[in-house]
PDB file of all heavy atoms in Angstrom:
ATOM      1  N   GLU A   1       0.817  -1.218   0.000  1.00  0.00           N
ATOM      2  CA  GLU A   1       0.000   0.000   0.000  1.00  0.00           C
ATOM      3  C   GLU A   1       0.850   1.267   0.000  1.00  0.00           C
ATOM      4  O   GLU A   1       0.380   2.334  -0.370  1.00  0.00           O
ATOM      5  CB  GLU A   1      -0.929   0.014   1.217  1.00  0.00           C
ATOM      6  CG  GLU A   1      -2.094  -0.948   1.097  1.00  0.00           C
ATOM      7  CD  GLU A   1      -3.117  -0.724   2.194  1.00  0.00           C
ATOM      8  OE1 GLU A   1      -2.721  -0.429   3.333  1.00  0.00           O
ATOM      9  OE2 GLU A   1      -4.317  -0.829   1.907  1.00  0.00           O
ATOM     10  N   GLY A   2       2.097   1.147   0.467  1.00  0.00           N
ATOM     11  CA  GLY A   2       3.031   2.266   0.357  1.00  0.00           C
ATOM     12  C   GLY A   2       3.117   3.205   1.542  1.00  0.00           C
ATOM     13  O   GLY A   2       4.004   4.051   1.599  1.00  0.00           O
ATOM     14  N   ASP A   3       2.233   3.087   2.536  1.00  0.00           N
ATOM     15  CA  ASP A   3       2.298   3.964   3.706  1.00  0.00           C
ATOM     16  C   ASP A   3       2.574   3.119   4.938  1.00  0.00           C
ATOM     17  O   ASP A   3       1.692   2.411   5.430  1.00  0.00           O
ATOM     18  CB  ASP A   3       0.976   4.728   3.872  1.00  0.00           C
ATOM     19  CG  ASP A   3       0.961   5.594   5.123  1.00  0.00           C
ATOM     20  OD1 ASP A   3       2.046   5.835   5.689  1.00  0.00           O
ATOM     21  OD2 ASP A   3      -0.133   6.029   5.533  1.00  0.00           O
ATOM     22  N   LEU A   4       3.812   3.200   5.455  1.00  0.00           N
ATOM     23  CA  LEU A   4       4.195   2.349   6.587  1.00  0.00           C
ATOM     24  C   LEU A   4       3.706   2.890   7.924  1.00  0.00           C
ATOM     25  O   LEU A   4       3.696   2.164   8.916  1.00  0.00           O
ATOM     26  CB  LEU A   4       5.719   2.179   6.631  1.00  0.00           C
ATOM     27  CG  LEU A   4       6.359   1.488   5.421  1.00  0.00           C
ATOM     28  CD1 LEU A   4       7.831   1.222   5.679  1.00  0.00           C
ATOM     29  CD2 LEU A   4       5.652   0.185   5.082  1.00  0.00           C
ATOM     30  N   GLY A   5       3.331   4.165   7.987  1.00  0.00           N
ATOM     31  CA  GLY A   5       2.818   4.735   9.239  1.00  0.00           C
ATOM     32  C   GLY A   5       3.799   4.611  10.386  1.00  0.00           C
ATOM     33  O   GLY A   5       3.450   4.146  11.475  1.00  0.00           O
ATOM     34  N   ILE A   6       5.050   5.039  10.163  1.00  0.00           N
ATOM     35  CA  ILE A   6       6.124   4.847  11.152  1.00  0.00           C
ATOM     36  C   ILE A   6       6.005   5.833  12.313  1.00  0.00           C
ATOM     37  O   ILE A   6       5.813   7.020  12.109  1.00  0.00           O
ATOM     38  CB  ILE A   6       7.510   5.033  10.487  1.00  0.00           C
ATOM     39  CG1 ILE A   6       7.683   4.031   9.330  1.00  0.00           C
ATOM     40  CG2 ILE A   6       8.635   4.875  11.505  1.00  0.00           C
ATOM     41  CD1 ILE A   6       8.859   4.341   8.422  1.00  0.00           C
ATOM     42  N   VAL A   7       6.121   5.305  13.537  1.00  0.00           N
ATOM     43  CA  VAL A   7       6.268   6.167  14.717  1.00  0.00           C
ATOM     44  C   VAL A   7       7.465   5.669  15.534  1.00  0.00           C
ATOM     45  O   VAL A   7       7.751   4.477  15.568  1.00  0.00           O
ATOM     46  CB  VAL A   7       4.993   6.185  15.602  1.00  0.00           C
ATOM     47  CG1 VAL A   7       3.828   6.812  14.869  1.00  0.00           C
ATOM     48  CG2 VAL A   7       4.618   4.779  16.074  1.00  0.00           C
ATOM     49  N   GLU A   8       8.172   6.615  16.172  1.00  0.00           N
ATOM     50  CA  GLU A   8       9.262   6.247  17.089  1.00  0.00           C
ATOM     51  C   GLU A   8       8.659   5.925  18.447  1.00  0.00           C
ATOM     52  O   GLU A   8       7.791   6.639  18.931  1.00  0.00           O
ATOM     53  CB  GLU A   8      10.260   7.407  17.231  1.00  0.00           C
ATOM     54  CG  GLU A   8      11.169   7.571  16.039  1.00  0.00           C
ATOM     55  CD  GLU A   8      12.277   8.600  16.296  1.00  0.00           C
ATOM     56  OE1 GLU A   8      12.510   8.939  17.478  1.00  0.00           O
ATOM     57  OE2 GLU A   8      12.882   9.060  15.324  1.00  0.00           O
ATOM     58  N   LYS A   9       9.156   4.855  19.082  1.00  0.00           N
ATOM     59  CA  LYS A   9       8.677   4.502  20.421  1.00  0.00           C
ATOM     60  C   LYS A   9       9.594   5.131  21.475  1.00  0.00           C
ATOM     61  O   LYS A   9       9.250   6.120  22.092  1.00  0.00           O
ATOM     62  CB  LYS A   9       8.584   2.984  20.576  1.00  0.00           C
ATOM     63  CG  LYS A   9       7.497   2.381  19.684  1.00  0.00           C
ATOM     64  CD  LYS A   9       7.095   0.981  20.105  1.00  0.00           C
ATOM     65  CE  LYS A   9       8.164  -0.041  19.750  1.00  0.00           C
ATOM     66  NZ  LYS A   9       7.717  -1.426  19.995  1.00  0.00           N
ATOM     67  N   THR A  10      10.772   4.571  21.679  1.00  0.00           N
ATOM     68  CA  THR A  10      11.680   5.110  22.703  1.00  0.00           C
ATOM     69  C   THR A  10      12.865   5.858  22.107  1.00  0.00           C
ATOM     70  O   THR A  10      13.470   6.686  22.760  1.00  0.00           O
ATOM     71  CB  THR A  10      12.210   3.983  23.603  1.00  0.00           C
ATOM     72  OG1 THR A  10      12.907   3.023  22.784  1.00  0.00           O
ATOM     73  CG2 THR A  10      11.074   3.285  24.327  1.00  0.00           C
ATOM     74  N   CYS A  11      13.220   5.529  20.840  1.00  0.00           N
ATOM     75  CA  CYS A  11      14.350   6.191  20.187  1.00  0.00           C
ATOM     76  C   CYS A  11      14.278   5.929  18.688  1.00  0.00           C
ATOM     77  O   CYS A  11      13.386   5.224  18.216  1.00  0.00           O
ATOM     78  CB  CYS A  11      15.688   5.681  20.754  1.00  0.00           C
ATOM     79  SG  CYS A  11      15.968   3.929  20.436  1.00  0.00           S
ATOM     80  N   SER A  12      15.258   6.474  17.948  1.00  0.00           N
ATOM     81  CA  SER A  12      15.204   6.393  16.478  1.00  0.00           C
ATOM     82  C   SER A  12      15.396   4.987  15.937  1.00  0.00           C
ATOM     83  O   SER A  12      15.100   4.714  14.776  1.00  0.00           O
ATOM     84  CB  SER A  12      16.254   7.327  15.865  1.00  0.00           C
ATOM     85  OG  SER A  12      17.543   6.925  16.279  1.00  0.00           O
ATOM     86  N   THR A  13      15.915   4.055  16.773  1.00  0.00           N
ATOM     87  CA  THR A  13      16.061   2.671  16.308  1.00  0.00           C
ATOM     88  C   THR A  13      14.939   1.774  16.848  1.00  0.00           C
ATOM     89  O   THR A  13      14.892   0.591  16.555  1.00  0.00           O
ATOM     90  CB  THR A  13      17.422   2.075  16.719  1.00  0.00           C
ATOM     91  OG1 THR A  13      17.550   2.142  18.142  1.00  0.00           O
ATOM     92  CG2 THR A  13      18.571   2.815  16.067  1.00  0.00           C
ATOM     93  N   ASP A  14      14.053   2.343  17.671  1.00  0.00           N
ATOM     94  CA  ASP A  14      12.939   1.589  18.245  1.00  0.00           C
ATOM     95  C   ASP A  14      11.650   2.093  17.589  1.00  0.00           C
ATOM     96  O   ASP A  14      11.023   3.039  18.053  1.00  0.00           O
ATOM     97  CB  ASP A  14      12.898   1.804  19.764  1.00  0.00           C
ATOM     98  CG  ASP A  14      11.860   0.916  20.443  1.00  0.00           C
ATOM     99  OD1 ASP A  14      11.385  -0.050  19.806  1.00  0.00           O
ATOM    100  OD2 ASP A  14      11.522   1.197  21.608  1.00  0.00           O
ATOM    101  N   LEU A  15      11.297   1.440  16.490  1.00  0.00           N
ATOM    102  CA  LEU A  15      10.213   1.938  15.648  1.00  0.00           C
ATOM    103  C   LEU A  15       8.977   1.039  15.714  1.00  0.00           C
ATOM    104  O   LEU A  15       9.055  -0.138  16.059  1.00  0.00           O
ATOM    105  CB  LEU A  15      10.684   2.033  14.192  1.00  0.00           C
ATOM    106  CG  LEU A  15      11.942   2.867  13.920  1.00  0.00           C
ATOM    107  CD1 LEU A  15      12.311   2.779  12.452  1.00  0.00           C
ATOM    108  CD2 LEU A  15      11.740   4.310  14.347  1.00  0.00           C
ATOM    109  N   GLN A  16       7.846   1.647  15.351  1.00  0.00           N
ATOM    110  CA  GLN A  16       6.609   0.889  15.197  1.00  0.00           C
ATOM    111  C   GLN A  16       5.961   1.339  13.887  1.00  0.00           C
ATOM    112  O   GLN A  16       5.991   2.523  13.556  1.00  0.00           O
ATOM    113  CB  GLN A  16       5.673   1.176  16.371  1.00  0.00           C
ATOM    114  CG  GLN A  16       4.375   0.382  16.344  1.00  0.00           C
ATOM    115  CD  GLN A  16       3.354   0.978  17.304  1.00  0.00           C
ATOM    116  OE1 GLN A  16       2.645   1.923  16.976  1.00  0.00           O
ATOM    117  NE2 GLN A  16       3.299   0.430  18.504  1.00  0.00           N
ATOM    118  N   THR A  17       5.424   0.396  13.134  1.00  0.00           N
ATOM    119  CA  THR A  17       4.756   0.730  11.879  1.00  0.00           C
ATOM    120  C   THR A  17       3.298   0.280  11.924  1.00  0.00           C
ATOM    121  O   THR A  17       2.873  -0.429  12.837  1.00  0.00           O
ATOM    122  CB  THR A  17       5.430   0.030  10.679  1.00  0.00           C
ATOM    123  OG1 THR A  17       5.179  -1.384  10.779  1.00  0.00           O
ATOM    124  CG2 THR A  17       6.932   0.296  10.628  1.00  0.00           C
ATOM    125  N   LYS A  18       2.574   0.680  10.895  1.00  0.00           N
ATOM    126  CA  LYS A  18       1.188   0.229  10.737  1.00  0.00           C
ATOM    127  C   LYS A  18       1.130  -1.303  10.708  1.00  0.00           C
ATOM    128  O   LYS A  18       0.192  -1.918  11.221  1.00  0.00           O
ATOM    129  CB  LYS A  18       0.633   0.815   9.435  1.00  0.00           C
ATOM    130  CG  LYS A  18      -0.805   0.476   9.136  1.00  0.00           C
ATOM    131  CD  LYS A  18      -1.235   1.117   7.815  1.00  0.00           C
ATOM    132  CE  LYS A  18      -2.647   0.723   7.436  1.00  0.00           C
ATOM    133  NZ  LYS A  18      -3.018   1.296   6.122  1.00  0.00           N
ATOM    134  N   ALA A  19       2.169  -1.929  10.128  1.00  0.00           N
ATOM    135  CA  ALA A  19       2.200  -3.401  10.054  1.00  0.00           C
ATOM    136  C   ALA A  19       2.330  -4.019  11.445  1.00  0.00           C
ATOM    137  O   ALA A  19       1.675  -5.025  11.747  1.00  0.00           O
ATOM    138  CB  ALA A  19       3.352  -3.860   9.154  1.00  0.00           C
ATOM    139  N   ASP A  20       3.189  -3.427  12.317  1.00  0.00           N
ATOM    140  CA  ASP A  20       3.300  -3.911  13.702  1.00  0.00           C
ATOM    141  C   ASP A  20       1.932  -3.867  14.375  1.00  0.00           C
ATOM    142  O   ASP A  20       1.519  -4.827  15.040  1.00  0.00           O
ATOM    143  CB  ASP A  20       4.251  -3.018  14.516  1.00  0.00           C
ATOM    144  CG  ASP A  20       5.696  -3.069  14.063  1.00  0.00           C
ATOM    145  OD1 ASP A  20       6.046  -2.346  13.110  1.00  0.00           O
ATOM    146  OD2 ASP A  20       6.466  -3.829  14.657  1.00  0.00           O
ATOM    147  N   ARG A  21       1.258  -2.725  14.218  1.00  0.00           N
ATOM    148  CA  ARG A  21      -0.015  -2.511  14.913  1.00  0.00           C
ATOM    149  C   ARG A  21      -1.100  -3.464  14.413  1.00  0.00           C
ATOM    150  O   ARG A  21      -1.770  -4.135  15.204  1.00  0.00           O
ATOM    151  CB  ARG A  21      -0.454  -1.046  14.757  1.00  0.00           C
ATOM    152  CG  ARG A  21       0.525  -0.065  15.400  1.00  0.00           C
ATOM    153  CD  ARG A  21       0.013   1.363  15.387  1.00  0.00           C
ATOM    154  NE  ARG A  21       0.039   2.010  14.082  1.00  0.00           N
ATOM    155  CZ  ARG A  21       1.088   2.631  13.549  1.00  0.00           C
ATOM    156  NH1 ARG A  21       2.248   2.651  14.195  1.00  0.00           N
ATOM    157  NH2 ARG A  21       1.014   3.224  12.367  1.00  0.00           N
ATOM    158  N   LEU A  22      -1.278  -3.531  13.102  1.00  0.00           N
ATOM    159  CA  LEU A  22      -2.325  -4.391  12.537  1.00  0.00           C
ATOM    160  C   LEU A  22      -2.046  -5.872  12.791  1.00  0.00           C
ATOM    161  O   LEU A  22      -2.964  -6.643  13.117  1.00  0.00           O
ATOM    162  CB  LEU A  22      -2.461  -4.151  11.036  1.00  0.00           C
ATOM    163  CG  LEU A  22      -3.081  -2.823  10.600  1.00  0.00           C
ATOM    164  CD1 LEU A  22      -3.074  -2.714   9.081  1.00  0.00           C
ATOM    165  CD2 LEU A  22      -4.510  -2.686  11.128  1.00  0.00           C
ATOM    166  N   ALA A  23      -0.780  -6.283  12.641  1.00  0.00           N
ATOM    167  CA  ALA A  23      -0.435  -7.696  12.845  1.00  0.00           C
ATOM    168  C   ALA A  23      -0.661  -8.100  14.299  1.00  0.00           C
ATOM    169  O   ALA A  23      -1.150  -9.198  14.577  1.00  0.00           O
ATOM    170  CB  ALA A  23       1.009  -7.958  12.429  1.00  0.00           C
ATOM    171  N   GLN A  24      -0.320  -7.211  15.234  1.00  0.00           N
ATOM    172  CA  GLN A  24      -0.547  -7.561  16.647  1.00  0.00           C
ATOM    173  C   GLN A  24      -2.036  -7.681  16.951  1.00  0.00           C
ATOM    174  O   GLN A  24      -2.452  -8.615  17.628  1.00  0.00           O
ATOM    175  CB  GLN A  24       0.093  -6.552  17.596  1.00  0.00           C
ATOM    176  CG  GLN A  24      -0.250  -6.885  19.052  1.00  0.00           C
ATOM    177  CD  GLN A  24       0.732  -6.377  20.050  1.00  0.00           C
ATOM    178  OE1 GLN A  24       1.934  -6.526  19.886  1.00  0.00           O
ATOM    179  NE2 GLN A  24       0.241  -5.761  21.105  1.00  0.00           N
ATOM    180  N   VAL A  25      -2.830  -6.738  16.471  1.00  0.00           N
ATOM    181  CA  VAL A  25      -4.284  -6.819  16.693  1.00  0.00           C
ATOM    182  C   VAL A  25      -4.828  -8.128  16.113  1.00  0.00           C
ATOM    183  O   VAL A  25      -5.620  -8.834  16.747  1.00  0.00           O
ATOM    184  CB  VAL A  25      -5.015  -5.606  16.068  1.00  0.00           C
ATOM    185  CG1 VAL A  25      -6.522  -5.820  16.072  1.00  0.00           C
ATOM    186  CG2 VAL A  25      -4.659  -4.334  16.824  1.00  0.00           C
ATOM    187  N   SER A  26      -4.367  -8.474  14.915  1.00  0.00           N
ATOM    188  CA  SER A  26      -4.812  -9.709  14.258  1.00  0.00           C
ATOM    189  C   SER A  26      -4.444 -10.944  15.087  1.00  0.00           C
ATOM    190  O   SER A  26      -5.294 -11.801  15.366  1.00  0.00           O
ATOM    191  CB  SER A  26      -4.189  -9.805  12.864  1.00  0.00           C
ATOM    192  OG  SER A  26      -4.501 -11.047  12.267  1.00  0.00           O
ATOM    193  N   ILE A  27      -3.173 -11.018  15.498  1.00  0.00           N
ATOM    194  CA  ILE A  27      -2.697 -12.196  16.243  1.00  0.00           C
ATOM    195  C   ILE A  27      -3.403 -12.315  17.593  1.00  0.00           C
ATOM    196  O   ILE A  27      -3.967 -13.363  17.933  1.00  0.00           O
ATOM    197  CB  ILE A  27      -1.168 -12.123  16.453  1.00  0.00           C
ATOM    198  CG1 ILE A  27      -0.426 -12.233  15.118  1.00  0.00           C
ATOM    199  CG2 ILE A  27      -0.713 -13.248  17.394  1.00  0.00           C
ATOM    200  CD1 ILE A  27       1.049 -11.850  15.201  1.00  0.00           C
ATOM    201  N   CYS A  28      -3.356 -11.234  18.375  1.00  0.00           N
ATOM    202  CA  CYS A  28      -3.888 -11.297  19.741  1.00  0.00           C
ATOM    203  C   CYS A  28      -5.396 -11.493  19.766  1.00  0.00           C
ATOM    204  O   CYS A  28      -5.925 -12.274  20.567  1.00  0.00           O
ATOM    205  CB  CYS A  28      -3.474 -10.055  20.526  1.00  0.00           C
ATOM    206  SG  CYS A  28      -1.676  -9.948  20.764  1.00  0.00           S
ATOM    207  N   SER A  29      -6.100 -10.814  18.866  1.00  0.00           N
ATOM    208  CA  SER A  29      -7.567 -10.954  18.821  1.00  0.00           C
ATOM    209  C   SER A  29      -7.973 -12.348  18.353  1.00  0.00           C
ATOM    210  O   SER A  29      -8.906 -12.955  18.889  1.00  0.00           O
ATOM    211  CB  SER A  29      -8.179  -9.897  17.897  1.00  0.00           C
ATOM    212  OG  SER A  29      -7.839  -8.601  18.341  1.00  0.00           O
ATOM    213  N   SER A  30      -7.275 -12.860  17.350  1.00  0.00           N
ATOM    214  CA  SER A  30      -7.593 -14.197  16.830  1.00  0.00           C
ATOM    215  C   SER A  30      -7.356 -15.265  17.890  1.00  0.00           C
ATOM    216  O   SER A  30      -8.170 -16.179  18.072  1.00  0.00           O
ATOM    217  CB  SER A  30      -6.755 -14.490  15.580  1.00  0.00           C
ATOM    218  OG  SER A  30      -7.020 -13.554  14.552  1.00  0.00           O
TER     219      SER A  30
END
């Protein structure tokens, strides 16, 4: 889709993307 939706968590090497968020919701909810 081309939009990773990157956010920094604790520092510039500790990142979270839209894929992290969606995959976790999918795994944990399932």
